[in-house]
C-alpha atoms as a PDB file:
ATOM      1  CA  MET A   1      40.036 -24.439 -35.759  1.00  0.00           C
ATOM      2  CA  SER A   2      41.416 -21.082 -35.940  1.00  0.00           C
ATOM      3  CA  LEU A   3      39.705 -18.158 -34.726  1.00  0.00           C
ATOM      4  CA  SER A   4      39.647 -14.806 -36.445  1.00  0.00           C
ATOM      5  CA  GLN A   5      40.802 -11.430 -34.581  1.00  0.00           C
ATOM      6  CA  ALA A   6      37.331 -10.394 -34.545  1.00  0.00           C
ATOM      7  CA  GLN A   7      36.334 -13.608 -32.373  1.00  0.00           C
ATOM      8  CA  LYS A   8      39.328 -13.403 -30.293  1.00  0.00           C
ATOM      9  CA  LYS A   9      38.328  -9.523 -29.475  1.00  0.00           C
ATOM     10  CA  ALA A  10      34.893 -10.482 -28.834  1.00  0.00           C
ATOM     11  CA  PHE A  11      35.932 -13.939 -26.354  1.00  0.00           C
ATOM     12  CA  ARG A  12      38.241 -11.530 -24.553  1.00  0.00           C
ATOM     13  CA  SER A  13      35.911  -8.834 -23.725  1.00  0.00           C
ATOM     14  CA  ILE A  14      33.423 -12.042 -22.488  1.00  0.00           C
ATOM     15  CA  GLY A  15      36.275 -13.484 -20.697  1.00  0.00           C
ATOM     16  CA  HIS A  16      37.108 -10.433 -18.567  1.00  0.00           C
ATOM     17  CA  TYR A  17      34.008 -11.142 -16.476  1.00  0.00           C
ATOM     18  CA  LEU A  18      35.044 -14.703 -16.145  1.00  0.00           C
ATOM     19  CA  ASN A  19      36.574 -16.104 -12.917  1.00  0.00           C
ATOM     20  CA  PRO A  20      39.259 -18.990 -13.330  1.00  0.00           C
ATOM     21  CA  VAL A  21      37.329 -22.534 -13.339  1.00  0.00           C
ATOM     22  CA  VAL A  22      40.282 -24.848 -13.501  1.00  0.00           C
ATOM     23  CA  THR A  23      43.499 -24.321 -11.603  1.00  0.00           C
ATOM     24  CA  VAL A  24      46.870 -25.839 -12.697  1.00  0.00           C
ATOM     25  CA  SER A  25      49.504 -26.489 -10.030  1.00  0.00           C
ATOM     26  CA  GLU A  26      53.097 -27.628  -9.653  1.00  0.00           C
ATOM     27  CA  ASN A  27      51.482 -31.303  -9.814  1.00  0.00           C
ATOM     28  CA  GLY A  28      51.094 -31.062 -13.304  1.00  0.00           C
ATOM     29  CA  VAL A  29      48.420 -32.593 -15.720  1.00  0.00           C
ATOM     30  CA  SER A  30      46.904 -35.481 -14.290  1.00  0.00           C
ATOM     31  CA  ASP A  31      43.782 -37.555 -15.704  1.00  0.00           C
ATOM     32  CA  ASN A  32      41.670 -35.998 -13.311  1.00  0.00           C
ATOM     33  CA  LEU A  33      42.672 -32.103 -14.349  1.00  0.00           C
ATOM     34  CA  LEU A  34      42.166 -33.177 -17.898  1.00  0.00           C
ATOM     35  CA  ALA A  35      38.756 -34.767 -17.002  1.00  0.00           C
ATOM     36  CA  GLU A  36      37.742 -31.281 -15.306  1.00  0.00           C
ATOM     37  CA  LEU A  37      39.259 -29.032 -18.230  1.00  0.00           C
ATOM     38  CA  GLY A  38      37.176 -31.061 -20.659  1.00  0.00           C
ATOM     39  CA  ARG A  39      34.063 -30.861 -18.770  1.00  0.00           C
ATOM     40  CA  ALA A  40      34.363 -27.145 -18.012  1.00  0.00           C
ATOM     41  CA  LEU A  41      35.057 -26.725 -21.939  1.00  0.00           C
ATOM     42  CA  ASN A  42      32.155 -29.062 -22.966  1.00  0.00           C
ATOM     43  CA  ASP A  43      29.649 -26.944 -20.711  1.00  0.00           C
ATOM     44  CA  HIS A  44      31.286 -23.461 -20.888  1.00  0.00           C
ATOM     45  CA  GLU A  45      32.931 -23.466 -24.107  1.00  0.00           C
ATOM     46  CA  LEU A  46      35.055 -20.436 -23.168  1.00  0.00           C
ATOM     47  CA  ILE A  47      37.028 -20.681 -19.926  1.00  0.00           C
ATOM     48  CA  LYS A  48      39.911 -19.113 -17.898  1.00  0.00           C
ATOM     49  CA  VAL A  49      42.456 -21.451 -16.515  1.00  0.00           C
ATOM     50  CA  LYS A  50      44.886 -20.395 -13.768  1.00  0.00           C
ATOM     51  CA  LEU A  51      48.432 -21.404 -13.920  1.00  0.00           C
ATOM     52  CA  ALA A  52      49.748 -21.675 -10.356  1.00  0.00           C
ATOM     53  CA  LEU A  53      53.374 -22.114 -11.245  1.00  0.00           C
ATOM     54  CA  PRO A  54      56.135 -19.423 -10.826  1.00  0.00           C
ATOM     55  CA  GLU A  55      58.366 -20.022 -13.728  1.00  0.00           C
ATOM     56  CA  ARG A  56      57.240 -18.539 -17.025  1.00  0.00           C
ATOM     57  CA  ASP A  57      58.809 -21.185 -19.034  1.00  0.00           C
ATOM     58  CA  ASP A  58      56.935 -23.885 -16.978  1.00  0.00           C
ATOM     59  CA  ARG A  59      53.506 -21.983 -17.434  1.00  0.00           C
ATOM     60  CA  THR A  60      54.098 -21.680 -21.091  1.00  0.00           C
ATOM     61  CA  ALA A  61      54.917 -25.601 -21.531  1.00  0.00           C
ATOM     62  CA  MET A  62      51.893 -26.596 -19.299  1.00  0.00           C
ATOM     63  CA  LEU A  63      49.647 -24.564 -21.258  1.00  0.00           C
ATOM     64  CA  GLU A  64      50.640 -26.227 -24.535  1.00  0.00           C
ATOM     65  CA  GLU A  65      50.070 -29.519 -22.888  1.00  0.00           C
ATOM     66  CA  LEU A  66      46.626 -28.395 -21.940  1.00  0.00           C
ATOM     67  CA  ILE A  67      45.830 -27.040 -25.181  1.00  0.00           C
ATOM     68  CA  ASN A  68      46.882 -30.082 -27.217  1.00  0.00           C
ATOM     69  CA  ASP A  69      45.366 -32.489 -24.642  1.00  0.00           C
ATOM     70  CA  SER A  70      41.998 -30.566 -24.662  1.00  0.00           C
ATOM     71  CA  GLN A  71      41.996 -29.699 -28.367  1.00  0.00           C
ATOM     72  CA  ALA A  72      40.940 -26.264 -27.323  1.00  0.00           C
ATOM     73  CA  GLU A  73      42.435 -23.136 -28.744  1.00  0.00           C
ATOM     74  CA  LEU A  74      44.189 -20.230 -26.953  1.00  0.00           C
ATOM     75  CA  VAL A  75      42.423 -16.945 -26.910  1.00  0.00           C
ATOM     76  CA  GLN A  76      44.695 -15.098 -24.510  1.00  0.00           C
ATOM     77  CA  SER A  77      47.530 -15.588 -21.919  1.00  0.00           C
ATOM     78  CA  ILE A  78      48.185 -12.728 -19.418  1.00  0.00           C
ATOM     79  CA  GLY A  79      50.655 -13.545 -16.699  1.00  0.00           C
ATOM     80  CA  LYS A  80      49.430 -16.614 -14.699  1.00  0.00           C
ATOM     81  CA  THR A  81      45.954 -16.970 -16.636  1.00  0.00           C
ATOM     82  CA  ALA A  82      44.876 -18.223 -19.711  1.00  0.00           C
ATOM     83  CA  LEU A  83      41.807 -18.071 -21.759  1.00  0.00           C
ATOM     84  CA  LEU A  84      40.778 -21.157 -23.577  1.00  0.00           C
ATOM     85  CA  TYR A  85      37.937 -21.764 -26.037  1.00  0.00           C
ATOM     86  CA  ARG A  86      36.612 -25.122 -27.464  1.00  0.00           C
ATOM     87  CA  PRO A  87      33.218 -24.999 -29.243  1.00  0.00           C
ATOM     88  CA  ASN A  88      30.449 -27.420 -28.265  1.00  0.00           C
ATOM     89  CA  PRO A  89      27.797 -27.585 -30.954  1.00  0.00           C
ATOM     90  CA  LYS A  90      25.311 -29.204 -28.627  1.00  0.00           C
ATOM     91  CA  GLY A  91      26.118 -27.279 -25.677  1.00  0.00           C
ATOM     92  CA  ASN A  92      23.773 -26.089 -23.110  1.00  0.00           C
ATOM     93  CA  PRO A  93      22.691 -22.352 -23.598  1.00  0.00           C
ATOM     94  CA  LYS A  94      22.312 -21.707 -20.037  1.00  0.00           C
ATOM     95  CA  LEU A  95      25.620 -22.909 -19.247  1.00  0.00           C
ATOM     96  CA  SER A  96      27.734 -21.557 -22.394  1.00  0.00           C
ATOM     97  CA  ASN A  97      29.540 -18.281 -21.445  1.00  0.00           C
ATOM     98  CA  ILE A  98      29.405 -17.458 -25.246  1.00  0.00           C
ATOM     99  CA  LYS A  99      25.470 -18.164 -25.862  1.00  0.00           C
ATOM    100  CA  ARG A 100      24.744 -16.649 -22.598  1.00  0.00           C
ATOM    101  CA  PHE A 101      26.505 -13.521 -23.282  1.00  0.00           C
ATOM    102  CA  GLU A 102      24.841 -13.509 -26.768  1.00  0.00           C
ATOM    103  CA  ASN A 103      21.675 -13.744 -25.208  1.00  0.00           C
ATOM    104  CA  HIS A 104      22.006 -11.297 -22.621  1.00  0.00           C
ATOM    105  CA  HIS A 105      23.535  -8.461 -24.854  1.00  0.00           C
ATOM    106  CA  GLY A 106      21.203  -9.438 -27.878  1.00  0.00           C
ATOM    107  CA  ARG A 107      23.997 -10.331 -30.231  1.00  0.00           C
ATOM    108  CA  ARG A 108      23.652 -13.415 -32.590  1.00  0.00           C
END
């Protein structure tokens, strides 16, 4: 799965209005964190993750681990916030940030 530049641009514009739904602390990646991340990606497809780590290198390593473990794709990373995407073809249109945005703005 590789997003085109146009898709990334569209997802960034949606992501601008999202709040982080998962926060990663210095405790690292746990099974509970991965379960919550997986649930959020299944429900919403496009989510913001807050990386509450002071060191940039630690945030980068943590983000790579999250992406690998969740099989999500990084859309954008700014400072301590990352925007992740993982498609869910059977997703609930009322929960999916992408489908809700498309329905609200009349895009298909």
